[in-house]
N, C-alpha and C. Protein backbone atom coordinates (compact mmCIF):
# COMPACT_ATOMS: atom_id res chain seq x y z
N MET A 1 102.80 19.95 -76.05
CA MET A 1 102.32 21.29 -75.79
C MET A 1 100.81 21.28 -75.82
N GLU A 2 100.23 22.08 -74.97
CA GLU A 2 98.78 22.22 -74.93
C GLU A 2 98.45 23.70 -74.93
N PHE A 3 97.50 24.10 -75.76
CA PHE A 3 97.07 25.50 -75.88
C PHE A 3 95.60 25.57 -75.51
N ILE A 4 95.26 26.50 -74.63
CA ILE A 4 93.87 26.68 -74.23
C ILE A 4 93.42 28.05 -74.73
N SER A 5 92.50 28.05 -75.68
CA SER A 5 92.03 29.31 -76.25
C SER A 5 91.06 30.00 -75.30
N ALA A 6 90.92 31.30 -75.46
CA ALA A 6 90.08 32.10 -74.58
C ALA A 6 88.64 31.57 -74.53
N GLN A 7 88.12 31.07 -75.65
CA GLN A 7 86.73 30.58 -75.65
C GLN A 7 86.57 29.29 -74.84
N ASN A 8 87.66 28.65 -74.47
CA ASN A 8 87.59 27.44 -73.64
C ASN A 8 87.83 27.71 -72.16
N ILE A 9 87.84 29.00 -71.80
CA ILE A 9 88.00 29.38 -70.40
C ILE A 9 86.63 29.74 -69.84
N LYS A 10 86.16 28.92 -68.92
CA LYS A 10 84.85 29.11 -68.30
C LYS A 10 84.96 30.17 -67.22
N GLU A 11 83.89 30.97 -67.09
CA GLU A 11 83.82 31.94 -66.00
C GLU A 11 82.74 31.52 -65.02
N LEU A 12 83.08 31.56 -63.75
CA LEU A 12 82.14 31.32 -62.67
C LEU A 12 81.94 32.63 -61.93
N ALA A 13 80.73 32.91 -61.47
CA ALA A 13 80.48 34.21 -60.86
C ALA A 13 79.54 34.12 -59.66
N ASN A 14 79.81 34.96 -58.70
CA ASN A 14 78.94 35.29 -57.58
C ASN A 14 78.86 36.80 -57.55
N PRO A 15 77.94 37.39 -56.81
CA PRO A 15 77.88 38.85 -56.77
C PRO A 15 79.24 39.47 -56.42
N GLY A 16 79.76 40.30 -57.33
CA GLY A 16 81.02 41.00 -57.11
C GLY A 16 82.28 40.19 -57.37
N VAL A 17 82.13 38.91 -57.73
CA VAL A 17 83.30 38.04 -57.92
C VAL A 17 83.16 37.27 -59.23
N VAL A 18 84.22 37.31 -60.06
CA VAL A 18 84.29 36.50 -61.28
C VAL A 18 85.57 35.68 -61.20
N SER A 19 85.42 34.37 -61.42
CA SER A 19 86.56 33.46 -61.37
C SER A 19 86.72 32.82 -62.74
N ARG A 20 87.80 33.17 -63.44
CA ARG A 20 88.09 32.63 -64.76
C ARG A 20 88.90 31.35 -64.58
N GLN A 21 88.35 30.22 -65.02
CA GLN A 21 88.97 28.91 -64.85
C GLN A 21 89.99 28.68 -65.97
N LEU A 22 91.20 29.22 -65.80
CA LEU A 22 92.22 29.22 -66.85
C LEU A 22 92.65 27.82 -67.25
N LEU A 23 92.94 26.99 -66.26
CA LEU A 23 93.38 25.62 -66.54
C LEU A 23 92.76 24.71 -65.50
N THR A 24 91.97 23.76 -65.98
CA THR A 24 91.29 22.81 -65.10
C THR A 24 91.28 21.45 -65.77
N PRO A 25 90.99 20.39 -65.05
CA PRO A 25 90.85 19.09 -65.70
C PRO A 25 89.73 19.07 -66.74
N GLU A 26 88.82 20.05 -66.70
CA GLU A 26 87.73 20.12 -67.67
C GLU A 26 88.18 20.69 -69.02
N ASN A 27 89.22 21.54 -69.03
CA ASN A 27 89.66 22.12 -70.31
C ASN A 27 91.11 21.78 -70.65
N SER A 28 91.71 20.87 -69.88
CA SER A 28 93.12 20.53 -70.06
C SER A 28 93.35 19.05 -69.79
N GLU A 29 94.43 18.54 -70.32
CA GLU A 29 94.82 17.16 -70.01
C GLU A 29 95.52 17.06 -68.65
N SER A 30 95.90 18.20 -68.07
CA SER A 30 96.54 18.19 -66.76
C SER A 30 95.55 17.76 -65.69
N LYS A 31 95.95 16.84 -64.88
CA LYS A 31 95.11 16.37 -63.77
C LYS A 31 95.74 16.73 -62.42
N ARG A 32 96.73 17.63 -62.45
CA ARG A 32 97.48 17.92 -61.23
C ARG A 32 97.19 19.28 -60.61
N VAL A 33 96.57 20.20 -61.40
CA VAL A 33 96.47 21.57 -60.91
C VAL A 33 95.25 22.26 -61.53
N THR A 34 94.70 23.21 -60.78
CA THR A 34 93.72 24.16 -61.29
C THR A 34 94.34 25.54 -61.16
N ILE A 35 94.24 26.34 -62.23
CA ILE A 35 94.71 27.73 -62.18
C ILE A 35 93.53 28.63 -62.50
N THR A 36 93.27 29.58 -61.61
CA THR A 36 92.16 30.50 -61.81
C THR A 36 92.63 31.94 -61.68
N GLU A 37 91.92 32.82 -62.37
CA GLU A 37 92.14 34.27 -62.27
C GLU A 37 90.87 34.83 -61.64
N VAL A 38 91.00 35.41 -60.45
CA VAL A 38 89.84 35.83 -59.69
C VAL A 38 89.80 37.36 -59.61
N HIS A 39 88.62 37.91 -59.93
CA HIS A 39 88.38 39.37 -59.91
C HIS A 39 87.33 39.67 -58.85
N LEU A 40 87.65 40.57 -57.93
CA LEU A 40 86.70 41.01 -56.93
C LEU A 40 86.46 42.50 -57.09
N GLU A 41 85.20 42.89 -57.25
CA GLU A 41 84.86 44.30 -57.29
C GLU A 41 85.12 44.93 -55.92
N LYS A 42 85.25 46.22 -55.90
CA LYS A 42 85.41 46.96 -54.65
C LYS A 42 84.29 46.55 -53.69
N GLY A 43 84.67 46.17 -52.48
CA GLY A 43 83.71 45.78 -51.46
C GLY A 43 83.29 44.32 -51.48
N ALA A 44 83.67 43.56 -52.52
CA ALA A 44 83.27 42.15 -52.62
C ALA A 44 84.08 41.29 -51.65
N CYS A 45 83.51 40.12 -51.35
CA CYS A 45 84.14 39.24 -50.37
C CYS A 45 83.99 37.78 -50.79
N GLN A 46 85.04 37.02 -50.55
CA GLN A 46 84.99 35.56 -50.61
C GLN A 46 85.07 35.11 -49.16
N PRO A 47 84.01 34.53 -48.62
CA PRO A 47 84.00 34.18 -47.20
C PRO A 47 85.06 33.15 -46.82
N ARG A 48 85.37 33.13 -45.54
CA ARG A 48 86.31 32.12 -45.02
C ARG A 48 85.81 30.72 -45.37
N HIS A 49 86.78 29.87 -45.75
CA HIS A 49 86.47 28.47 -46.09
C HIS A 49 87.76 27.67 -46.02
N THR A 50 87.67 26.37 -46.22
CA THR A 50 88.84 25.51 -46.26
C THR A 50 88.71 24.55 -47.45
N HIS A 51 89.83 23.94 -47.80
CA HIS A 51 89.85 22.85 -48.79
C HIS A 51 90.46 21.65 -48.10
N GLU A 52 89.71 20.61 -48.00
CA GLU A 52 90.09 19.44 -47.21
C GLU A 52 91.39 18.79 -47.69
N PHE A 53 91.55 18.65 -49.01
CA PHE A 53 92.68 17.86 -49.53
C PHE A 53 93.54 18.61 -50.53
N SER A 54 93.41 19.93 -50.65
CA SER A 54 94.18 20.69 -51.63
C SER A 54 94.86 21.89 -50.98
N GLU A 55 96.04 22.20 -51.48
CA GLU A 55 96.69 23.43 -51.08
C GLU A 55 96.46 24.47 -52.18
N GLN A 56 96.55 25.75 -51.81
CA GLN A 56 96.40 26.84 -52.78
C GLN A 56 97.52 27.85 -52.59
N ILE A 57 97.96 28.40 -53.72
CA ILE A 57 98.89 29.51 -53.73
C ILE A 57 98.18 30.65 -54.45
N TRP A 58 98.14 31.83 -53.82
CA TRP A 58 97.53 33.01 -54.42
C TRP A 58 98.62 34.03 -54.71
N TYR A 59 98.57 34.60 -55.90
CA TYR A 59 99.46 35.70 -56.29
C TYR A 59 98.60 36.92 -56.58
N ALA A 60 98.77 37.98 -55.79
CA ALA A 60 97.99 39.21 -55.97
C ALA A 60 98.55 39.99 -57.16
N VAL A 61 97.69 40.24 -58.14
CA VAL A 61 98.09 40.91 -59.37
C VAL A 61 97.75 42.40 -59.34
N LYS A 62 96.60 42.74 -58.74
CA LYS A 62 96.12 44.13 -58.79
C LYS A 62 95.30 44.43 -57.54
N GLY A 63 95.57 45.57 -56.92
CA GLY A 63 94.74 46.04 -55.82
C GLY A 63 95.27 45.71 -54.44
N THR A 64 94.44 46.01 -53.45
CA THR A 64 94.74 45.76 -52.05
C THR A 64 93.50 45.18 -51.39
N GLY A 65 93.69 44.17 -50.59
CA GLY A 65 92.57 43.56 -49.87
C GLY A 65 93.03 43.00 -48.55
N LYS A 66 92.13 42.26 -47.91
CA LYS A 66 92.44 41.64 -46.63
C LYS A 66 92.20 40.13 -46.75
N LEU A 67 93.21 39.36 -46.37
CA LEU A 67 93.05 37.92 -46.24
C LEU A 67 92.21 37.68 -44.99
N LEU A 68 91.24 36.81 -45.10
CA LEU A 68 90.40 36.43 -43.96
C LEU A 68 90.88 35.08 -43.47
N LEU A 69 91.43 35.04 -42.28
CA LEU A 69 92.11 33.86 -41.76
C LEU A 69 91.35 33.28 -40.56
N SER A 70 91.90 32.22 -39.99
CA SER A 70 91.24 31.58 -38.85
C SER A 70 91.20 32.53 -37.65
N ASP A 71 90.31 32.22 -36.72
CA ASP A 71 90.16 32.99 -35.47
C ASP A 71 89.89 34.47 -35.74
N ASP A 72 89.17 34.77 -36.81
CA ASP A 72 88.80 36.13 -37.20
C ASP A 72 90.00 37.05 -37.46
N GLN A 73 91.17 36.46 -37.72
CA GLN A 73 92.35 37.26 -38.07
C GLN A 73 92.24 37.76 -39.51
N GLU A 74 92.89 38.89 -39.78
CA GLU A 74 92.98 39.45 -41.13
C GLU A 74 94.42 39.88 -41.38
N LYS A 75 94.82 39.82 -42.65
CA LYS A 75 96.17 40.25 -43.03
C LYS A 75 96.08 40.96 -44.37
N GLU A 76 96.76 42.11 -44.48
CA GLU A 76 96.75 42.84 -45.74
C GLU A 76 97.38 41.99 -46.85
N PHE A 77 96.78 42.06 -48.03
CA PHE A 77 97.23 41.31 -49.21
C PHE A 77 97.21 42.29 -50.38
N THR A 78 98.39 42.57 -50.94
CA THR A 78 98.56 43.64 -51.92
C THR A 78 99.25 43.12 -53.17
N ALA A 79 98.97 43.76 -54.30
CA ALA A 79 99.60 43.39 -55.57
C ALA A 79 101.08 43.12 -55.37
N GLY A 80 101.54 41.96 -55.87
CA GLY A 80 102.92 41.53 -55.72
C GLY A 80 103.13 40.51 -54.62
N ASP A 81 102.19 40.43 -53.67
CA ASP A 81 102.29 39.46 -52.57
C ASP A 81 101.90 38.06 -53.03
N VAL A 82 102.46 37.06 -52.36
CA VAL A 82 102.12 35.65 -52.58
C VAL A 82 101.80 35.04 -51.23
N VAL A 83 100.75 34.21 -51.19
CA VAL A 83 100.40 33.50 -49.96
C VAL A 83 100.11 32.04 -50.32
N ARG A 84 100.48 31.15 -49.42
CA ARG A 84 100.21 29.71 -49.61
C ARG A 84 99.36 29.22 -48.45
N PHE A 85 98.28 28.51 -48.80
CA PHE A 85 97.41 27.89 -47.81
C PHE A 85 97.57 26.39 -47.92
N ALA A 86 97.94 25.75 -46.82
CA ALA A 86 98.03 24.29 -46.79
C ALA A 86 96.62 23.70 -46.72
N ASP A 87 96.51 22.41 -46.95
CA ASP A 87 95.23 21.71 -46.78
C ASP A 87 94.61 22.13 -45.45
N LYS A 88 93.33 22.38 -45.45
CA LYS A 88 92.54 22.69 -44.25
C LYS A 88 92.80 24.06 -43.65
N ASP A 89 93.70 24.89 -44.21
CA ASP A 89 93.90 26.26 -43.72
C ASP A 89 92.65 27.09 -44.01
N VAL A 90 92.18 27.82 -43.03
CA VAL A 90 91.06 28.73 -43.23
C VAL A 90 91.55 29.93 -44.03
N HIS A 91 90.79 30.30 -45.07
CA HIS A 91 91.17 31.45 -45.89
C HIS A 91 89.95 32.03 -46.60
N GLY A 92 90.04 33.29 -46.91
CA GLY A 92 89.04 34.03 -47.65
C GLY A 92 89.65 35.37 -48.01
N LEU A 93 88.87 36.22 -48.66
CA LEU A 93 89.41 37.51 -49.10
C LEU A 93 88.30 38.56 -49.12
N LYS A 94 88.65 39.75 -48.64
CA LYS A 94 87.75 40.89 -48.68
C LYS A 94 88.46 42.00 -49.45
N ASN A 95 87.82 42.52 -50.48
CA ASN A 95 88.39 43.65 -51.21
C ASN A 95 87.95 44.93 -50.53
N ASP A 96 88.81 45.45 -49.68
CA ASP A 96 88.51 46.71 -49.00
C ASP A 96 89.33 47.86 -49.58
N GLY A 97 89.89 47.63 -50.78
CA GLY A 97 90.67 48.66 -51.46
C GLY A 97 89.79 49.63 -52.23
N ASP A 98 90.43 50.48 -53.01
CA ASP A 98 89.74 51.53 -53.75
C ASP A 98 89.23 51.10 -55.12
N GLY A 99 89.62 49.93 -55.59
CA GLY A 99 89.21 49.48 -56.92
C GLY A 99 89.18 47.96 -56.98
N GLU A 100 89.21 47.44 -58.20
CA GLU A 100 89.17 45.99 -58.41
C GLU A 100 90.39 45.31 -57.80
N PHE A 101 90.19 44.12 -57.26
CA PHE A 101 91.29 43.28 -56.78
C PHE A 101 91.34 42.05 -57.67
N VAL A 102 92.54 41.69 -58.13
CA VAL A 102 92.72 40.52 -58.99
C VAL A 102 93.84 39.66 -58.42
N TYR A 103 93.60 38.35 -58.37
CA TYR A 103 94.67 37.43 -57.99
C TYR A 103 94.60 36.16 -58.83
N ILE A 104 95.73 35.49 -58.93
CA ILE A 104 95.84 34.20 -59.60
C ILE A 104 95.94 33.15 -58.50
N SER A 105 95.16 32.08 -58.65
CA SER A 105 95.17 30.98 -57.68
C SER A 105 95.62 29.70 -58.36
N VAL A 106 96.54 29.00 -57.71
CA VAL A 106 96.99 27.68 -58.17
C VAL A 106 96.58 26.68 -57.09
N THR A 107 95.81 25.67 -57.47
CA THR A 107 95.27 24.69 -56.53
C THR A 107 95.74 23.30 -56.93
N SER A 108 96.29 22.57 -55.95
CA SER A 108 96.77 21.21 -56.23
C SER A 108 96.51 20.33 -55.01
N PRO A 109 95.96 19.13 -55.22
CA PRO A 109 95.36 18.66 -56.45
C PRO A 109 94.18 19.54 -56.85
N PRO A 110 93.77 19.45 -58.12
CA PRO A 110 92.75 20.36 -58.64
C PRO A 110 91.39 20.20 -57.98
N ILE A 111 90.64 21.28 -58.01
CA ILE A 111 89.27 21.31 -57.52
C ILE A 111 88.39 21.89 -58.63
N ASN A 112 87.22 21.32 -58.83
CA ASN A 112 86.22 21.93 -59.70
C ASN A 112 85.43 22.89 -58.82
N PHE A 113 85.60 24.20 -59.03
CA PHE A 113 85.01 25.21 -58.16
C PHE A 113 83.57 25.55 -58.51
N GLY A 114 82.97 24.84 -59.46
CA GLY A 114 81.60 25.11 -59.85
C GLY A 114 80.62 25.09 -58.69
N TYR A 115 80.87 24.26 -57.69
CA TYR A 115 79.98 24.15 -56.54
C TYR A 115 79.84 25.46 -55.76
N ALA A 116 80.86 26.32 -55.84
CA ALA A 116 80.91 27.52 -55.01
C ALA A 116 80.35 28.77 -55.71
N TYR A 117 79.92 28.63 -56.95
CA TYR A 117 79.47 29.78 -57.73
C TYR A 117 78.06 29.58 -58.25
N ALA A 118 77.26 30.65 -58.20
CA ALA A 118 75.88 30.59 -58.65
C ALA A 118 75.77 30.63 -60.17
N ASP A 119 76.63 31.43 -60.82
CA ASP A 119 76.54 31.64 -62.27
C ASP A 119 77.73 30.98 -62.95
N LYS A 120 77.44 30.14 -63.93
CA LYS A 120 78.49 29.42 -64.66
C LYS A 120 78.35 29.71 -66.14
N LYS A 121 79.34 30.44 -66.72
CA LYS A 121 79.30 30.80 -68.14
C LYS A 121 80.29 29.99 -68.93
């Protein structure tokens, strides 16, 4: 069994976005997965991007937003929805809802997302 206390959960931030690194190879013995809890303020955006060698599963916990997909496509993403992105799938998220948007992301193999965030706490 492995227990990760709250003080061992690093937060990464960009304007309007906070990503809590719940389980990563940096705070866990697991080398197979990264689990993050991502909070987007109303109007915040995570731009379209890809992950070369990792798939991601997102579970929407709170709010309503738009998935930003390839070819400028968008798809509504609402609390309770789950989406899976294969390696190299274009994806991003825009919070166009009325309040905070929260989702849980599972990434395998794991990625250290520090490169994508300006503020690391």
